[in-house]
Protein backbone atom coordinates (compact mmCIF):
# COMPACT_ATOMS: atom_id res chain seq x y z
CA MET A 1 114.74 120.74 104.25
CA ALA A 2 116.10 122.56 101.21
CA HIS A 3 117.30 119.20 99.85
CA PHE A 4 113.81 117.74 100.15
CA VAL A 5 112.20 120.69 98.35
CA LEU A 6 114.75 120.71 95.52
CA GLN A 7 114.51 116.96 94.95
CA ILE A 8 110.71 116.97 94.95
CA ASN A 9 110.58 119.91 92.54
CA ASP A 10 113.15 118.33 90.20
CA TRP A 11 111.19 115.08 90.16
CA TYR A 12 107.98 116.98 89.32
CA ARG A 13 109.55 118.85 86.40
CA LEU A 14 110.44 115.51 84.80
CA ASN A 15 107.34 113.48 85.69
CA ALA A 16 104.33 115.80 86.05
CA ARG A 17 101.15 114.88 84.19
CA SER A 18 99.79 117.43 81.76
CA LEU A 19 96.42 118.44 83.20
CA PRO A 20 94.23 121.38 82.09
CA TRP A 21 93.84 122.95 85.54
CA ARG A 22 97.62 123.21 85.75
CA GLU A 23 97.68 125.35 82.62
CA THR A 24 95.54 128.16 84.04
CA LYS A 25 95.60 130.82 86.72
CA ASN A 26 91.80 131.16 86.63
CA PRO A 27 90.74 130.66 90.29
CA TYR A 28 87.28 129.46 89.24
CA PHE A 29 88.71 126.64 87.12
CA ILE A 30 91.23 125.75 89.82
CA TRP A 31 88.48 125.66 92.45
CA LEU A 32 86.33 123.42 90.23
CA SER A 33 89.19 120.98 89.75
CA GLU A 34 89.96 120.84 93.47
CA VAL A 35 86.34 120.11 94.44
CA ILE A 36 85.92 117.49 91.69
CA LEU A 37 89.18 115.73 92.58
CA GLN A 38 88.36 115.33 96.28
CA GLN A 39 88.15 111.56 96.84
CA THR A 40 88.23 111.05 93.06
CA ARG A 41 90.92 109.68 90.74
CA VAL A 42 92.32 112.13 88.20
CA ASP A 43 91.40 109.93 85.23
CA GLN A 44 87.77 109.89 86.40
CA GLY A 45 87.63 113.53 87.46
CA LEU A 46 89.07 114.92 84.22
CA ASN A 47 85.93 114.27 82.17
CA TYR A 48 83.74 115.85 84.85
CA TYR A 49 85.99 118.91 84.96
CA LEU A 50 85.69 119.32 81.18
CA LYS A 51 81.91 118.87 81.33
CA PHE A 52 81.55 121.50 84.04
CA ILE A 53 83.69 124.18 82.40
CA HIS A 54 81.82 123.59 79.15
CA ALA A 55 78.39 123.85 80.80
CA PHE A 56 79.39 126.63 83.20
CA PRO A 57 82.34 128.62 81.76
CA THR A 58 82.08 131.23 84.54
CA VAL A 59 81.17 131.16 88.20
CA GLU A 60 78.13 133.30 87.35
CA ASN A 61 76.89 130.57 84.98
CA LEU A 62 77.20 128.00 87.74
CA ALA A 63 75.49 130.25 90.29
CA LEU A 64 72.50 130.76 87.99
CA ALA A 65 72.14 127.07 87.15
CA ASP A 66 69.32 124.91 88.45
CA GLU A 67 70.49 122.54 91.19
CA GLU A 68 69.13 119.53 89.34
CA HIS A 69 71.26 120.44 86.31
CA VAL A 70 74.35 120.58 88.54
CA LEU A 71 73.50 117.24 90.16
CA LYS A 72 72.85 115.63 86.77
CA LEU A 73 76.29 116.68 85.50
CA TRP A 74 77.79 115.36 88.75
CA GLN A 75 75.98 112.02 88.40
CA GLY A 76 78.28 109.03 88.93
CA LEU A 77 80.99 111.00 90.74
CA GLY A 78 79.64 110.30 94.23
CA TYR A 79 79.71 112.34 97.45
CA TYR A 80 76.92 114.55 96.13
CA SER A 81 77.22 117.02 98.99
CA ARG A 82 80.25 118.29 97.08
CA ALA A 83 78.00 119.24 94.15
CA ARG A 84 75.44 120.95 96.37
CA ASN A 85 78.18 122.88 98.18
CA LEU A 86 79.78 123.75 94.83
CA HIS A 87 76.52 125.37 93.75
CA LYS A 88 76.11 127.25 97.04
CA THR A 89 79.68 128.53 96.96
CA ALA A 90 79.27 129.81 93.40
CA LYS A 91 76.23 131.81 94.51
CA GLU A 92 78.19 133.22 97.45
CA VAL A 93 81.10 134.29 95.22
CA VAL A 94 78.64 136.15 93.00
CA GLU A 95 76.73 137.73 95.88
CA ARG A 96 79.68 138.70 98.11
CA PHE A 97 82.52 139.24 95.63
CA ASN A 98 80.71 140.24 92.41
CA GLY A 99 81.67 136.99 90.70
CA GLU A 100 85.42 137.34 91.37
CA PHE A 101 87.19 134.83 93.59
CA PRO A 102 88.98 136.74 96.37
CA ALA A 103 92.78 136.81 96.17
CA SER A 104 93.13 136.39 99.93
CA TYR A 105 93.45 133.12 101.83
CA ILE A 106 91.28 134.47 104.68
CA ASP A 107 88.54 135.61 102.28
CA LEU A 108 88.68 132.30 100.43
CA LEU A 109 88.34 130.46 103.74
CA SER A 110 85.28 132.55 104.58
CA LEU A 111 83.35 131.03 101.67
CA LYS A 112 80.96 128.24 102.59
CA GLY A 113 82.29 124.90 101.40
CA ILE A 114 85.93 126.01 101.15
CA GLY A 115 88.20 124.63 103.86
CA PRO A 116 91.91 125.14 104.61
CA TYR A 117 93.10 122.75 101.88
CA THR A 118 91.01 124.24 99.06
CA ALA A 119 91.72 127.80 100.17
CA ALA A 120 95.47 127.07 100.15
CA ALA A 121 95.24 125.43 96.73
CA ILE A 122 93.45 128.41 95.15
CA ALA A 123 95.70 130.91 96.91
CA SER A 124 98.91 129.26 95.70
CA PHE A 125 97.88 128.01 92.24
CA ALA A 126 95.90 131.08 91.17
CA PHE A 127 97.60 133.89 93.09
CA ASP A 128 101.10 132.52 93.88
CA LEU A 129 100.62 133.00 97.62
CA GLN A 130 102.74 131.08 100.12
CA HIS A 131 100.12 128.71 101.56
CA ALA A 132 100.90 125.00 101.88
CA VAL A 133 98.33 122.43 100.80
CA VAL A 134 98.00 119.31 102.95
CA ASP A 135 95.97 116.48 101.44
CA GLY A 136 96.23 112.69 101.76
CA ASN A 137 99.22 112.57 99.42
CA VAL A 138 101.07 115.23 101.41
CA TYR A 139 100.36 113.50 104.73
CA ARG A 140 101.76 110.28 103.31
CA VAL A 141 104.94 111.77 101.85
CA LEU A 142 105.79 113.86 104.91
CA SER A 143 105.01 111.14 107.45
CA ARG A 144 107.22 108.66 105.62
CA TYR A 145 110.11 110.95 104.76
CA TYR A 146 110.35 112.60 108.18
CA GLY A 147 109.33 109.51 110.16
CA ILE A 148 106.33 111.14 111.82
CA ASP A 149 104.06 108.81 113.78
CA THR A 150 101.59 111.39 115.05
CA PRO A 151 98.13 110.27 113.85
CA ILE A 152 97.03 112.35 110.86
CA ASP A 153 93.38 112.26 112.02
CA SER A 154 94.20 113.85 115.39
CA THR A 155 94.13 117.58 116.16
CA GLU A 156 97.81 117.41 117.12
CA GLY A 157 98.70 115.62 113.89
CA LYS A 158 96.86 118.06 111.65
CA LYS A 159 98.66 120.98 113.29
CA GLU A 160 102.04 119.25 113.08
CA PHE A 161 101.78 118.37 109.40
CA GLN A 162 100.37 121.77 108.45
CA SER A 163 103.20 123.47 110.34
CA LEU A 164 105.83 121.31 108.64
CA ALA A 165 104.38 121.88 105.16
CA SER A 166 104.21 125.63 105.83
CA THR A 167 107.89 125.60 106.87
CA LEU A 168 108.89 123.75 103.70
CA ILE A 169 107.00 125.78 101.09
CA PRO A 170 109.28 128.34 99.42
CA ALA A 171 108.17 131.93 99.01
CA ASP A 172 109.37 132.22 95.43
CA GLN A 173 107.61 129.15 93.93
CA PRO A 174 104.81 128.05 96.28
CA ALA A 175 102.60 126.62 93.52
CA LEU A 176 105.43 124.49 92.14
CA PHE A 177 106.16 122.91 95.53
CA ASN A 178 102.48 122.25 96.28
CA GLN A 179 102.00 120.56 92.91
CA SER A 180 105.25 118.65 93.28
CA ILE A 181 104.59 117.05 96.65
CA MET A 182 101.00 116.13 95.79
CA GLU A 183 102.05 114.60 92.46
CA PHE A 184 104.91 112.73 94.12
CA GLY A 185 102.46 111.17 96.56
CA ALA A 186 99.92 110.36 93.85
CA LEU A 187 102.32 108.73 91.39
CA PHE A 188 105.45 107.65 93.27
CA CYS A 189 105.06 107.48 97.05
CA THR A 190 101.76 105.60 96.71
CA PRO A 191 99.78 104.04 99.58
CA ALA A 192 100.42 100.34 98.94
CA ASN A 193 103.45 99.97 96.68
CA PRO A 194 105.72 103.03 96.70
CA ASN A 195 108.63 102.94 94.28
CA CYS A 196 111.28 103.10 97.01
CA GLU A 197 114.04 101.49 94.95
CA GLN A 198 114.05 104.34 92.44
CA CYS A 199 113.12 107.12 94.87
CA PRO A 200 115.39 110.17 94.63
CA LEU A 201 114.85 110.72 98.37
CA LEU A 202 115.61 107.17 99.55
CA ASP A 203 118.98 107.99 101.18
CA SER A 204 117.38 110.54 103.49
CA CYS A 205 113.91 109.00 103.90
CA GLN A 206 113.17 107.61 107.37
CA SER A 207 110.72 104.98 106.14
CA GLY A 208 111.82 103.64 102.74
CA SER A 209 114.99 101.70 103.53
CA ASN A 210 113.49 99.96 106.59
CA GLN A 211 110.02 99.42 105.05
CA LEU A 212 108.31 101.46 107.74
CA TYR A 213 106.35 103.05 104.89
CA LYS A 214 103.89 100.19 105.40
CA GLN A 215 102.89 101.66 108.78
CA ARG A 216 102.85 105.34 107.81
CA PRO A 217 100.90 107.55 107.89
CA ILE A 218 99.17 106.52 111.11
CA LYS A 219 95.47 106.92 111.81
CA ALA A 220 94.17 106.74 115.38
CA LYS A 221 90.54 106.07 114.56
CA LYS A 222 89.11 103.06 112.79
CA THR A 223 86.28 103.66 110.37
CA THR A 224 83.03 102.05 111.51
CA VAL A 225 80.97 100.80 108.58
CA ARG A 226 77.27 100.08 109.04
CA ASP A 227 75.02 97.97 106.85
CA ARG A 228 71.78 99.39 105.43
CA TYR A 229 69.12 97.58 103.42
CA PHE A 230 67.23 99.52 100.73
CA HIS A 231 64.24 97.91 99.02
CA TYR A 232 63.28 99.66 95.77
CA PHE A 233 59.99 99.23 93.90
CA HIS A 234 59.86 99.60 90.13
CA ILE A 235 56.22 100.65 89.69
CA GLU A 236 55.41 101.36 86.06
CA PHE A 237 52.30 101.54 83.90
CA ASP A 238 51.45 103.11 80.54
CA GLN A 239 54.86 104.80 80.07
CA GLN A 240 54.69 106.38 83.55
CA ILE A 241 56.97 105.40 86.41
CA ALA A 242 56.84 106.12 90.14
CA ILE A 243 59.67 108.29 91.41
CA HIS A 244 60.72 109.86 94.70
CA LYS A 245 63.15 112.70 95.52
CA ARG A 246 65.36 112.22 98.57
CA GLU A 247 64.93 115.32 100.73
CA SER A 248 66.30 114.26 104.12
CA LYS A 249 69.89 115.02 105.14
CA ASP A 250 71.15 111.58 104.26
CA VAL A 251 73.08 109.97 101.43
CA TRP A 252 72.08 111.17 97.94
CA GLN A 253 70.13 114.20 99.16
CA HIS A 254 68.08 115.85 96.35
CA LEU A 255 68.60 112.89 93.98
CA TYR A 256 65.77 110.80 92.55
CA GLU A 257 65.02 107.13 93.06
CA PHE A 258 62.15 104.64 93.02
CA PRO A 259 59.85 104.45 96.05
CA MET A 260 61.92 102.76 98.72
CA ILE A 261 61.65 101.12 102.14
CA GLU A 262 64.69 100.78 104.39
CA THR A 263 64.88 97.84 106.79
CA THR A 264 67.38 96.78 109.45
CA THR A 265 67.91 93.35 107.83
CA ALA A 266 67.71 91.95 104.31
CA GLU A 267 64.27 90.48 105.04
CA LEU A 268 61.24 92.40 103.82
CA LEU A 269 58.06 91.78 105.80
CA ASN A 270 54.43 92.50 104.96
CA THR A 271 54.39 94.97 107.83
CA ASP A 272 57.18 96.88 106.08
CA LEU A 273 55.12 96.97 102.88
CA ALA A 274 51.98 98.36 104.50
CA SER A 275 52.94 101.99 103.78
CA LEU A 276 52.81 101.30 100.03
CA SER A 277 49.85 98.91 100.19
CA ILE A 278 51.91 96.18 98.53
CA ASP A 279 51.40 92.47 99.11
CA SER A 280 54.68 90.53 99.10
CA ALA A 281 53.04 87.92 96.86
CA ARG A 282 53.00 90.49 94.05
CA LEU A 283 56.74 91.12 94.18
CA ASN A 284 59.41 89.78 91.87
CA THR A 285 63.04 90.34 92.81
CA GLN A 286 64.53 91.85 89.70
CA TYR A 287 68.02 92.96 90.70
CA THR A 288 70.33 93.12 93.71
CA SER A 289 73.40 95.28 94.21
CA LYS A 290 75.80 96.40 96.91
CA HIS A 291 77.18 99.92 97.08
CA ILE A 292 80.04 100.77 99.45
CA LEU A 293 80.43 104.30 100.78
CA SER A 294 83.03 105.56 103.24
CA HIS A 295 80.98 104.67 106.33
CA GLN A 296 78.15 102.57 104.91
CA ARG A 297 77.46 99.39 102.96
CA ILE A 298 74.15 99.74 101.16
CA HIS A 299 72.49 96.49 100.12
CA ALA A 300 69.87 97.23 97.47
CA ILE A 301 67.09 94.96 96.27
CA PHE A 302 64.97 96.07 93.32
CA TYR A 303 61.49 94.60 92.86
CA THR A 304 58.98 94.65 90.04
CA LEU A 305 55.28 94.12 90.67
CA ASN A 306 52.88 91.77 88.93
CA GLU A 307 49.88 93.42 87.24
CA THR A 308 50.89 96.88 88.40
CA VAL A 309 48.57 99.82 87.85
CA LEU A 310 49.80 103.15 89.17
CA ALA A 311 46.29 104.12 90.19
CA ASP A 312 46.61 101.50 92.93
CA PHE A 313 49.33 103.56 94.59
CA GLN A 314 47.84 106.86 95.63
CA GLY A 315 50.23 109.61 96.62
CA LEU A 316 53.21 108.45 94.55
CA ASN A 317 54.85 110.94 92.21
CA THR A 318 55.28 109.82 88.63
CA VAL A 319 57.22 110.90 85.56
CA SER A 320 57.37 109.65 81.99
CA LEU A 321 60.09 107.16 81.16
CA SER A 322 61.76 109.74 78.90
CA THR A 323 61.82 112.29 81.74
CA LEU A 324 63.41 109.77 84.11
CA HIS A 325 66.59 109.77 82.01
CA ASP A 326 66.93 113.55 82.48
CA LEU A 327 66.71 113.46 86.29
CA PRO A 328 69.77 113.27 88.53
CA ILE A 329 69.90 109.78 90.04
CA HIS A 330 72.45 108.05 92.25
CA ARG A 331 74.78 105.24 91.20
CA LEU A 332 72.56 102.40 92.41
CA MET A 333 69.63 103.74 90.42
CA HIS A 334 71.83 104.41 87.42
CA ARG A 335 72.96 100.77 87.28
CA TYR A 336 69.38 99.58 87.34
CA VAL A 337 68.17 102.09 84.73
CA GLU A 338 71.04 101.19 82.40
CA LYS A 339 70.26 97.49 82.72
CA TYR A 340 66.47 97.52 82.55
CA LEU A 341 65.23 100.89 81.26
CA SER A 342 67.79 102.07 78.68
């Protein structure tokens, strides 16, 4: 085990990327980076991190911000529940800990929106505490090197990998080891094409020489993806445009979009249109797009209407075209707005 730790740390010292959150012990900045980088590439997340620390240099600034401002800055990053939870956690840090992130793993874990991984990351990177982080990169490296076939999405697997990582992490340099193994997985022991030929651990790895890396790590459950069909209506007149805020606990909660009807198939019937008093003969298909989320494929069709007057559509909320560009909107809407309303 000592060999593994030394080799990983040596590799990191020579190959680590220079990233701003690695140059600080500020737990607020470290927490921001960890939330932003969940399910996000570093090259994409970096600009968002810089935007957030510029707009909200302290956790108090973030706590006092309007949610729509937070969502607007997050726009394009996806998984918007992360942004909403980010805002809620900031408020909790201010209310419970007077704006200071707690220097205890247990207290960090007690914050809403902070799970075992994020709590361990803050504890080790900000406070040099001996808590092992286990993310997708760590699962992959450990399962391949140690030849572990326990599914990583099982209760048994999560306990086994957490226990192993906790055994490996040294007391004297916990942050270094955590950064090293995550970086090794991100840059070297990658999902599809790991660089086994030049791997410093190849002689002792239980997956590289026999190409078992292709099967590891193992997942027991297959992701079920469902298809959804969203029909959007671009209703505009006299510099005003109809808009709707998504309030239900569904994708893109609290983001804005055009009035929309969801159907079970791609076909849009007159009976579907009754709620908006729209006749299908008035519709022009303007734009179609597909958006893939982790468990959903969203097929979007955008329509414009002939001879549209907003007065015909009672009960719809409207904003000016200039205001629309200031509202937080999801990626599907953003593509349409960039193409037709910029």
